[in-house]
Amino acid sequence: MDTTHIDQLRARYDRVLRREAAPDEPGARVERTGPVVRQTSARGGWSGVLWSGFASAREADAAIAEQLRHYGVLGLPFEWKQYAHDRPDDLGQRLTAAGFRAEEPETVLVAEVAALERRPVWPDGVTVRRVTEPAGLDPVIEVHRRVFGGDQEPLRRRLLAQLAEAPDRVRVLLVLAGELPVSAARLELSPDGDFAGIWGGGTLPEWRGRGIYRALVAHRAALAAEAGARWLHVDALPPSRPILERLGFLPLAVTTPYLSPAP
């Protein structure tokens, strides 16, 4: 994929998934206010700035202060998703100066679905199950808790809402060794149909190194192809980036989550 094509794809990604983004969970609200696009969750899910386009550093500072006021009135913490190609170049420093805390940078990777392996090879005794009912979420949440730590109840609420109100937009997957849950992941489809995001994919430590993650990527690529998606995208942390690049994913952008100070 040449540089020009990457630039064009980045511009499409920015337009579809950031500037013209639809809510990524039922009940969430996306607002476009001046040079900022933000989402506010109604159920304790993700709230934050999806896109910004500033003409000057002064405009950026004013918008940062406005978002702090807006979410402060709501009493909500929020995240500012800053991308390396966002302007001004020192936007991250301005967020830090305003009290935001930078999390570990992630690399947005993309791959054309048609170019990916879509025939998963599972280890012996390992199967994958699609979860479509609320009762099936307990082991999914437990795997996420054991792999990623932290409070996974917001994820439970999000998945419950998606399965109930937008089941065509999500594929929730549980990987089993016999009847033992060992990994969990999901595929989320964008309203325009072109992009599909792969999330989760965490595997219990004792089951890593056996090809489960690779098989999950192939399985989700097959589901994305079934749904008519053209591109898979993922926000990858350093440990998973080399695996995904070996599978055919290419870096599109670097994004840093900036967490707001307590409201």
C-alpha atoms as a PDB file:
ATOM      1  CA  MET A   1       0.000   0.000   0.000  1.00  0.00           C
ATOM      2  CA  ASP A   2       1.697   3.237  -1.126  1.00  0.00           C
ATOM      3  CA  THR A   3       1.931   6.474   0.855  1.00  0.00           C
ATOM      4  CA  THR A   4      -0.738   8.227  -1.193  1.00  0.00           C
ATOM      5  CA  HIS A   5      -3.190   5.401  -0.563  1.00  0.00           C
ATOM      6  CA  ILE A   6      -2.425   5.478   3.181  1.00  0.00           C
ATOM      7  CA  ASP A   7      -3.061   9.240   3.227  1.00  0.00           C
ATOM      8  CA  GLN A   8      -6.386   8.752   1.425  1.00  0.00           C
ATOM      9  CA  LEU A   9      -7.398   5.961   3.791  1.00  0.00           C
ATOM     10  CA  ARG A  10      -6.436   8.069   6.819  1.00  0.00           C
ATOM     11  CA  ALA A  11      -8.624  10.890   5.502  1.00  0.00           C
ATOM     12  CA  ARG A  12     -11.525   8.455   5.053  1.00  0.00           C
ATOM     13  CA  TYR A  13     -10.988   7.024   8.538  1.00  0.00           C
ATOM     14  CA  ASP A  14     -11.014  10.552   9.991  1.00  0.00           C
ATOM     15  CA  ARG A  15     -14.209  11.422   8.140  1.00  0.00           C
ATOM     16  CA  VAL A  16     -16.189   8.241   8.794  1.00  0.00           C
ATOM     17  CA  LEU A  17     -15.069   7.314  12.306  1.00  0.00           C
ATOM     18  CA  ARG A  18     -14.233  10.730  13.733  1.00  0.00           C
ATOM     19  CA  ARG A  19     -15.731  13.824  12.019  1.00  0.00           C
ATOM     20  CA  GLU A  20     -18.998  12.150  10.971  1.00  0.00           C
ATOM     21  CA  ALA A  21     -19.015   9.497  13.682  1.00  0.00           C
ATOM     22  CA  ALA A  22     -22.242   7.866  14.755  1.00  0.00           C
ATOM     23  CA  PRO A  23     -22.703   6.925  18.436  1.00  0.00           C
ATOM     24  CA  ASP A  24     -20.734   3.749  19.148  1.00  0.00           C
ATOM     25  CA  GLU A  25     -23.240   2.447  21.686  1.00  0.00           C
ATOM     26  CA  PRO A  26     -27.031   2.670  22.097  1.00  0.00           C
ATOM     27  CA  GLY A  27     -28.129   5.745  24.012  1.00  0.00           C
ATOM     28  CA  ALA A  28     -24.929   7.718  23.406  1.00  0.00           C
ATOM     29  CA  ARG A  29     -25.118  11.181  21.847  1.00  0.00           C
ATOM     30  CA  VAL A  30     -22.672  12.643  19.327  1.00  0.00           C
ATOM     31  CA  GLU A  31     -22.486  16.422  19.135  1.00  0.00           C
ATOM     32  CA  ARG A  32     -20.684  18.677  16.685  1.00  0.00           C
ATOM     33  CA  THR A  33     -19.811  21.954  18.324  1.00  0.00           C
ATOM     34  CA  GLY A  34     -17.553  24.255  16.325  1.00  0.00           C
ATOM     35  CA  PRO A  35     -14.236  22.503  15.605  1.00  0.00           C
ATOM     36  CA  VAL A  36     -14.970  19.608  18.005  1.00  0.00           C
ATOM     37  CA  VAL A  37     -16.916  16.342  17.679  1.00  0.00           C
ATOM     38  CA  ARG A  38     -17.675  14.685  21.017  1.00  0.00           C
ATOM     39  CA  GLN A  39     -19.626  11.723  22.320  1.00  0.00           C
ATOM     40  CA  THR A  40     -21.476  11.560  25.608  1.00  0.00           C
ATOM     41  CA  SER A  41     -22.547   8.177  26.941  1.00  0.00           C
ATOM     42  CA  ALA A  42     -25.873   7.882  28.738  1.00  0.00           C
ATOM     43  CA  ARG A  43     -24.944   4.626  30.493  1.00  0.00           C
ATOM     44  CA  GLY A  44     -21.514   5.098  31.980  1.00  0.00           C
ATOM     45  CA  GLY A  45     -19.726   4.116  28.769  1.00  0.00           C
ATOM     46  CA  TRP A  46     -17.179   6.083  26.760  1.00  0.00           C
ATOM     47  CA  SER A  47     -17.464   9.863  26.670  1.00  0.00           C
ATOM     48  CA  GLY A  48     -14.954  12.123  25.015  1.00  0.00           C
ATOM     49  CA  VAL A  49     -13.619  14.051  22.048  1.00  0.00           C
ATOM     50  CA  LEU A  50     -13.531  12.050  18.820  1.00  0.00           C
ATOM     51  CA  TRP A  51     -12.201  14.723  16.465  1.00  0.00           C
ATOM     52  CA  SER A  52     -10.976  18.285  16.494  1.00  0.00           C
ATOM     53  CA  GLY A  53      -9.844  20.622  13.756  1.00  0.00           C
ATOM     54  CA  PHE A  54      -8.296  23.846  14.998  1.00  0.00           C
ATOM     55  CA  ALA A  55      -7.156  26.780  12.913  1.00  0.00           C
ATOM     56  CA  SER A  56      -4.862  28.105  15.641  1.00  0.00           C
ATOM     57  CA  ALA A  57      -3.367  27.334  19.030  1.00  0.00           C
ATOM     58  CA  ARG A  58      -5.648  29.971  20.544  1.00  0.00           C
ATOM     59  CA  GLU A  59      -8.716  28.187  19.176  1.00  0.00           C
ATOM     60  CA  ALA A  60      -7.410  24.890  20.576  1.00  0.00           C
ATOM     61  CA  ASP A  61      -6.974  26.337  24.072  1.00  0.00           C
ATOM     62  CA  ALA A  62     -10.475  27.811  24.004  1.00  0.00           C
ATOM     63  CA  ALA A  63     -11.979  24.486  22.894  1.00  0.00           C
ATOM     64  CA  ILE A  64     -10.081  22.546  25.586  1.00  0.00           C
ATOM     65  CA  ALA A  65     -11.461  24.896  28.240  1.00  0.00           C
ATOM     66  CA  GLU A  66     -14.962  24.566  26.789  1.00  0.00           C
ATOM     67  CA  GLN A  67     -14.890  20.744  26.874  1.00  0.00           C
ATOM     68  CA  LEU A  68     -13.719  20.834  30.497  1.00  0.00           C
ATOM     69  CA  ARG A  69     -16.633  23.136  31.331  1.00  0.00           C
ATOM     70  CA  HIS A  70     -19.123  21.010  29.382  1.00  0.00           C
ATOM     71  CA  TYR A  71     -18.241  17.689  30.992  1.00  0.00           C
ATOM     72  CA  GLY A  72     -17.698  19.360  34.357  1.00  0.00           C
ATOM     73  CA  VAL A  73     -21.342  20.503  34.372  1.00  0.00           C
ATOM     74  CA  LEU A  74     -22.359  16.922  33.570  1.00  0.00           C
ATOM     75  CA  GLY A  75     -20.059  15.575  36.269  1.00  0.00           C
ATOM     76  CA  LEU A  76     -18.458  13.179  33.787  1.00  0.00           C
ATOM     77  CA  PRO A  77     -14.805  12.254  33.272  1.00  0.00           C
ATOM     78  CA  PHE A  78     -13.919  12.082  29.583  1.00  0.00           C
ATOM     79  CA  GLU A  79     -11.155  11.185  27.179  1.00  0.00           C
ATOM     80  CA  TRP A  80      -9.638  13.276  24.409  1.00  0.00           C
ATOM     81  CA  LYS A  81      -8.478  10.999  21.582  1.00  0.00           C
ATOM     82  CA  GLN A  82      -5.531  12.931  20.180  1.00  0.00           C
ATOM     83  CA  TYR A  83      -3.994  11.733  16.906  1.00  0.00           C
ATOM     84  CA  ALA A  84      -0.445  12.529  15.838  1.00  0.00           C
ATOM     85  CA  HIS A  85      -1.673  14.276  12.686  1.00  0.00           C
ATOM     86  CA  ASP A  86      -4.108  16.532  14.592  1.00  0.00           C
ATOM     87  CA  ARG A  87      -3.322  20.230  14.709  1.00  0.00           C
ATOM     88  CA  PRO A  88      -1.805  22.179  16.301  1.00  0.00           C
ATOM     89  CA  ASP A  89       1.286  19.991  16.537  1.00  0.00           C
ATOM     90  CA  ASP A  90       1.532  20.618  20.274  1.00  0.00           C
ATOM     91  CA  LEU A  91      -2.086  19.722  21.058  1.00  0.00           C
ATOM     92  CA  GLY A  92      -0.944  16.984  23.444  1.00  0.00           C
ATOM     93  CA  GLN A  93       1.169  19.451  25.406  1.00  0.00           C
ATOM     94  CA  ARG A  94      -1.777  21.841  25.614  1.00  0.00           C
ATOM     95  CA  LEU A  95      -3.996  19.073  26.960  1.00  0.00           C
ATOM     96  CA  THR A  96      -1.375  18.191  29.558  1.00  0.00           C
ATOM     97  CA  ALA A  97      -1.089  21.849  30.580  1.00  0.00           C
ATOM     98  CA  ALA A  98      -4.874  21.883  31.087  1.00  0.00           C
ATOM     99  CA  GLY A  99      -4.628  18.958  33.523  1.00  0.00           C
ATOM    100  CA  PHE A 100      -5.172  15.969  31.248  1.00  0.00           C
ATOM    101  CA  ARG A 101      -3.158  12.793  31.820  1.00  0.00           C
ATOM    102  CA  ALA A 102      -1.696  10.961  28.819  1.00  0.00           C
ATOM    103  CA  GLU A 103      -2.165   7.197  28.637  1.00  0.00           C
ATOM    104  CA  GLU A 104       0.066   4.853  26.624  1.00  0.00           C
ATOM    105  CA  PRO A 105       0.001   5.710  22.905  1.00  0.00           C
ATOM    106  CA  GLU A 106      -1.723   3.239  20.580  1.00  0.00           C
ATOM    107  CA  THR A 107      -1.211   2.650  16.873  1.00  0.00           C
ATOM    108  CA  VAL A 108      -4.237   2.576  14.610  1.00  0.00           C
ATOM    109  CA  LEU A 109      -3.658  -0.354  12.259  1.00  0.00           C
ATOM    110  CA  VAL A 110      -5.767  -1.119   9.190  1.00  0.00           C
ATOM    111  CA  ALA A 111      -6.012  -3.984   6.754  1.00  0.00           C
ATOM    112  CA  GLU A 112      -8.165  -4.686   3.742  1.00  0.00           C
ATOM    113  CA  VAL A 113     -10.510  -7.530   4.680  1.00  0.00           C
ATOM    114  CA  ALA A 114     -10.082  -9.199   1.290  1.00  0.00           C
ATOM    115  CA  ALA A 115      -6.302  -9.418   1.815  1.00  0.00           C
ATOM    116  CA  LEU A 116      -6.499 -11.108   5.225  1.00  0.00           C
ATOM    117  CA  GLU A 117      -6.582 -14.791   6.084  1.00  0.00           C
ATOM    118  CA  ARG A 118     -10.224 -15.616   6.793  1.00  0.00           C
ATOM    119  CA  ARG A 119      -9.936 -19.332   7.634  1.00  0.00           C
ATOM    120  CA  PRO A 120      -9.007 -19.532  11.311  1.00  0.00           C
ATOM    121  CA  VAL A 121      -6.874 -22.419  12.533  1.00  0.00           C
ATOM    122  CA  TRP A 122      -7.791 -23.198  16.139  1.00  0.00           C
ATOM    123  CA  PRO A 123      -5.606 -25.241  18.500  1.00  0.00           C
ATOM    124  CA  ASP A 124      -6.822 -28.772  19.202  1.00  0.00           C
ATOM    125  CA  GLY A 125      -9.826 -28.761  21.520  1.00  0.00           C
ATOM    126  CA  VAL A 126     -10.426 -25.015  21.132  1.00  0.00           C
ATOM    127  CA  THR A 127     -13.657 -23.632  19.666  1.00  0.00           C
ATOM    128  CA  VAL A 128     -15.277 -20.220  19.291  1.00  0.00           C
ATOM    129  CA  ARG A 129     -18.848 -19.360  20.228  1.00  0.00           C
ATOM    130  CA  ARG A 130     -20.815 -16.267  19.264  1.00  0.00           C
ATOM    131  CA  VAL A 131     -22.635 -14.737  22.227  1.00  0.00           C
ATOM    132  CA  THR A 132     -26.057 -13.354  21.349  1.00  0.00           C
ATOM    133  CA  GLU A 133     -27.891 -13.444  24.681  1.00  0.00           C
ATOM    134  CA  PRO A 134     -27.251 -11.510  27.922  1.00  0.00           C
ATOM    135  CA  ALA A 135     -26.791 -14.732  29.891  1.00  0.00           C
ATOM    136  CA  GLY A 136     -23.754 -15.564  27.773  1.00  0.00           C
ATOM    137  CA  LEU A 137     -21.864 -12.401  28.763  1.00  0.00           C
ATOM    138  CA  ASP A 138     -20.723 -13.534  32.217  1.00  0.00           C
ATOM    139  CA  PRO A 139     -17.726 -15.571  30.971  1.00  0.00           C
ATOM    140  CA  VAL A 140     -16.843 -12.836  28.446  1.00  0.00           C
ATOM    141  CA  ILE A 141     -16.652 -10.248  31.238  1.00  0.00           C
ATOM    142  CA  GLU A 142     -14.735 -12.640  33.488  1.00  0.00           C
ATOM    143  CA  VAL A 143     -12.094 -13.250  30.798  1.00  0.00           C
ATOM    144  CA  HIS A 144     -11.706  -9.484  30.305  1.00  0.00           C
ATOM    145  CA  ARG A 145     -11.391  -9.000  34.067  1.00  0.00           C
ATOM    146  CA  ARG A 146      -8.701 -11.662  34.371  1.00  0.00           C
ATOM    147  CA  VAL A 147      -6.746 -10.478  31.327  1.00  0.00           C
ATOM    148  CA  PHE A 148      -7.071  -6.681  31.495  1.00  0.00           C
ATOM    149  CA  GLY A 149      -7.977  -6.078  35.141  1.00  0.00           C
ATOM    150  CA  GLY A 150      -9.972  -3.075  36.259  1.00  0.00           C
ATOM    151  CA  ASP A 151     -13.707  -2.568  36.386  1.00  0.00           C
ATOM    152  CA  GLN A 152     -15.341  -4.389  33.469  1.00  0.00           C
ATOM    153  CA  GLU A 153     -18.926  -3.464  34.373  1.00  0.00           C
ATOM    154  CA  PRO A 154     -19.014  -0.576  31.849  1.00  0.00           C
ATOM    155  CA  LEU A 155     -18.170  -3.136  29.156  1.00  0.00           C
ATOM    156  CA  ARG A 156     -20.983  -5.380  30.407  1.00  0.00           C
ATOM    157  CA  ARG A 157     -23.478  -2.488  30.181  1.00  0.00           C
ATOM    158  CA  ARG A 158     -22.266  -1.606  26.710  1.00  0.00           C
ATOM    159  CA  LEU A 159     -22.552  -5.169  25.422  1.00  0.00           C
ATOM    160  CA  LEU A 160     -25.978  -5.637  27.025  1.00  0.00           C
ATOM    161  CA  ALA A 161     -27.216  -2.510  25.248  1.00  0.00           C
ATOM    162  CA  GLN A 162     -25.664  -3.532  21.919  1.00  0.00           C
ATOM    163  CA  LEU A 163     -27.110  -7.036  22.007  1.00  0.00           C
ATOM    164  CA  ALA A 164     -30.546  -5.692  22.903  1.00  0.00           C
ATOM    165  CA  GLU A 165     -30.729  -2.602  20.704  1.00  0.00           C
ATOM    166  CA  ALA A 166     -28.125  -2.899  17.928  1.00  0.00           C
ATOM    167  CA  PRO A 167     -27.310  -6.602  17.473  1.00  0.00           C
ATOM    168  CA  ASP A 168     -26.483  -6.095  13.792  1.00  0.00           C
ATOM    169  CA  ARG A 169     -23.565  -3.824  14.759  1.00  0.00           C
ATOM    170  CA  VAL A 170     -21.659  -6.205  17.062  1.00  0.00           C
ATOM    171  CA  ARG A 171     -20.315  -9.762  17.111  1.00  0.00           C
ATOM    172  CA  VAL A 172     -19.352 -10.905  20.616  1.00  0.00           C
ATOM    173  CA  LEU A 173     -17.062 -13.958  20.698  1.00  0.00           C
ATOM    174  CA  LEU A 174     -16.017 -16.346  23.424  1.00  0.00           C
ATOM    175  CA  VAL A 175     -13.173 -18.827  22.884  1.00  0.00           C
ATOM    176  CA  LEU A 176     -13.393 -22.103  24.794  1.00  0.00           C
ATOM    177  CA  ALA A 177     -10.939 -24.889  25.523  1.00  0.00           C
ATOM    178  CA  GLY A 178     -13.485 -27.621  26.047  1.00  0.00           C
ATOM    179  CA  GLU A 179     -15.893 -25.674  28.268  1.00  0.00           C
ATOM    180  CA  LEU A 180     -13.221 -23.432  29.815  1.00  0.00           C
ATOM    181  CA  PRO A 181     -13.378 -19.773  28.639  1.00  0.00           C
ATOM    182  CA  VAL A 182      -9.850 -18.759  27.615  1.00  0.00           C
ATOM    183  CA  SER A 183     -10.300 -15.686  25.400  1.00  0.00           C
ATOM    184  CA  ALA A 184     -12.939 -13.132  24.392  1.00  0.00           C
ATOM    185  CA  ALA A 185     -13.236 -10.538  21.666  1.00  0.00           C
ATOM    186  CA  ARG A 186     -15.681  -8.559  19.600  1.00  0.00           C
ATOM    187  CA  LEU A 187     -16.157  -7.099  16.132  1.00  0.00           C
ATOM    188  CA  GLU A 188     -17.980  -3.774  15.787  1.00  0.00           C
ATOM    189  CA  LEU A 189     -19.362  -2.588  12.446  1.00  0.00           C
ATOM    190  CA  SER A 190     -19.593   1.075  11.471  1.00  0.00           C
ATOM    191  CA  PRO A 191     -22.904   2.394  10.104  1.00  0.00           C
ATOM    192  CA  ASP A 192     -21.385   3.155   6.704  1.00  0.00           C
ATOM    193  CA  GLY A 193     -20.396  -0.517   6.376  1.00  0.00           C
ATOM    194  CA  ASP A 194     -16.854   0.182   5.159  1.00  0.00           C
ATOM    195  CA  PHE A 195     -15.022  -0.159   8.481  1.00  0.00           C
ATOM    196  CA  ALA A 196     -15.151  -2.808  11.178  1.00  0.00           C
ATOM    197  CA  GLY A 197     -13.241  -2.553  14.445  1.00  0.00           C
ATOM    198  CA  ILE A 198     -11.677  -5.468  16.296  1.00  0.00           C
ATOM    199  CA  TRP A 199     -11.545  -5.124  20.075  1.00  0.00           C
ATOM    200  CA  GLY A 200     -10.555  -7.257  23.038  1.00  0.00           C
ATOM    201  CA  GLY A 201      -8.862 -10.467  21.991  1.00  0.00           C
ATOM    202  CA  GLY A 202      -7.314 -10.900  25.420  1.00  0.00           C
ATOM    203  CA  THR A 203      -6.265 -14.482  26.176  1.00  0.00           C
ATOM    204  CA  LEU A 204      -5.567 -16.024  29.577  1.00  0.00           C
ATOM    205  CA  PRO A 205      -1.785 -16.132  30.172  1.00  0.00           C
ATOM    206  CA  GLU A 206      -1.571 -19.930  30.284  1.00  0.00           C
ATOM    207  CA  TRP A 207      -3.229 -20.151  26.847  1.00  0.00           C
ATOM    208  CA  ARG A 208      -1.058 -17.620  25.025  1.00  0.00           C
ATOM    209  CA  GLY A 209       1.421 -18.599  22.340  1.00  0.00           C
ATOM    210  CA  ARG A 210      -0.884 -21.228  20.826  1.00  0.00           C
ATOM    211  CA  GLY A 211      -2.322 -19.212  17.945  1.00  0.00           C
ATOM    212  CA  ILE A 212      -5.624 -18.201  19.528  1.00  0.00           C
ATOM    213  CA  TYR A 213      -5.170 -14.479  18.850  1.00  0.00           C
ATOM    214  CA  ARG A 214      -4.237 -15.139  15.210  1.00  0.00           C
ATOM    215  CA  ALA A 215      -7.290 -17.378  14.816  1.00  0.00           C
ATOM    216  CA  LEU A 216      -9.525 -14.727  16.376  1.00  0.00           C
ATOM    217  CA  VAL A 217      -8.303 -12.130  13.881  1.00  0.00           C
ATOM    218  CA  ALA A 218      -9.010 -14.484  10.967  1.00  0.00           C
ATOM    219  CA  HIS A 219     -12.429 -15.361  12.382  1.00  0.00           C
ATOM    220  CA  ARG A 220     -13.355 -11.696  12.764  1.00  0.00           C
ATOM    221  CA  ALA A 221     -12.070 -10.955   9.268  1.00  0.00           C
ATOM    222  CA  ALA A 222     -14.442 -13.631   7.958  1.00  0.00           C
ATOM    223  CA  LEU A 223     -17.346 -12.109   9.914  1.00  0.00           C
ATOM    224  CA  ALA A 224     -16.444  -8.648   8.592  1.00  0.00           C
ATOM    225  CA  ALA A 225     -16.411  -9.977   5.013  1.00  0.00           C
ATOM    226  CA  GLU A 226     -19.819 -11.575   5.628  1.00  0.00           C
ATOM    227  CA  ALA A 227     -21.151  -8.203   6.770  1.00  0.00           C
ATOM    228  CA  GLY A 228     -19.722  -6.430   3.703  1.00  0.00           C
ATOM    229  CA  ALA A 229     -17.009  -4.433   5.511  1.00  0.00           C
ATOM    230  CA  ARG A 230     -13.979  -3.478   3.447  1.00  0.00           C
ATOM    231  CA  TRP A 231     -11.490  -2.505   6.165  1.00  0.00           C
ATOM    232  CA  LEU A 232     -10.574  -3.815   9.595  1.00  0.00           C
ATOM    233  CA  HIS A 233      -9.129  -1.333  12.083  1.00  0.00           C
ATOM    234  CA  VAL A 234      -7.704  -1.741  15.564  1.00  0.00           C
ATOM    235  CA  ASP A 235      -6.076   0.471  18.217  1.00  0.00           C
ATOM    236  CA  ALA A 236      -3.010  -1.623  19.013  1.00  0.00           C
ATOM    237  CA  LEU A 237      -0.762  -1.429  22.041  1.00  0.00           C
ATOM    238  CA  PRO A 238       2.937  -2.306  21.555  1.00  0.00           C
ATOM    239  CA  PRO A 239       2.604  -6.038  22.442  1.00  0.00           C
ATOM    240  CA  SER A 240      -0.033  -6.744  19.768  1.00  0.00           C
ATOM    241  CA  ARG A 241       1.239  -4.437  17.035  1.00  0.00           C
ATOM    242  CA  PRO A 242       3.951  -6.789  15.659  1.00  0.00           C
ATOM    243  CA  ILE A 243       1.518  -9.716  15.590  1.00  0.00           C
ATOM    244  CA  LEU A 244      -1.019  -7.700  13.624  1.00  0.00           C
ATOM    245  CA  GLU A 245       1.604  -6.350  11.227  1.00  0.00           C
ATOM    246  CA  ARG A 246       2.722  -9.921  10.481  1.00  0.00           C
ATOM    247  CA  LEU A 247      -0.905 -10.699   9.640  1.00  0.00           C
ATOM    248  CA  GLY A 248      -1.030  -7.872   7.100  1.00  0.00           C
ATOM    249  CA  PHE A 249      -2.111  -4.791   9.066  1.00  0.00           C
ATOM    250  CA  LEU A 250      -0.466  -1.451   8.307  1.00  0.00           C
ATOM    251  CA  PRO A 251      -0.002   1.572  10.609  1.00  0.00           C
ATOM    252  CA  LEU A 252      -2.399   4.409   9.826  1.00  0.00           C
ATOM    253  CA  ALA A 253      -1.925   6.789  12.760  1.00  0.00           C
ATOM    254  CA  VAL A 254      -0.709   7.035  16.334  1.00  0.00           C
ATOM    255  CA  THR A 255      -3.312   8.045  18.897  1.00  0.00           C
ATOM    256  CA  THR A 256      -2.874   8.975  22.534  1.00  0.00           C
ATOM    257  CA  PRO A 257      -5.783   8.882  24.990  1.00  0.00           C
ATOM    258  CA  TYR A 258      -5.733  11.933  27.264  1.00  0.00           C
ATOM    259  CA  LEU A 259      -7.847  11.511  30.410  1.00  0.00           C
ATOM    260  CA  SER A 260      -9.509  14.566  31.859  1.00  0.00           C
ATOM    261  CA  PRO A 261      -8.875  15.742  35.409  1.00  0.00           C
ATOM    262  CA  ALA A 262     -11.583  14.778  37.886  1.00  0.00           C
ATOM    263  CA  PRO A 263     -14.739  16.843  37.280  1.00  0.00           C
END
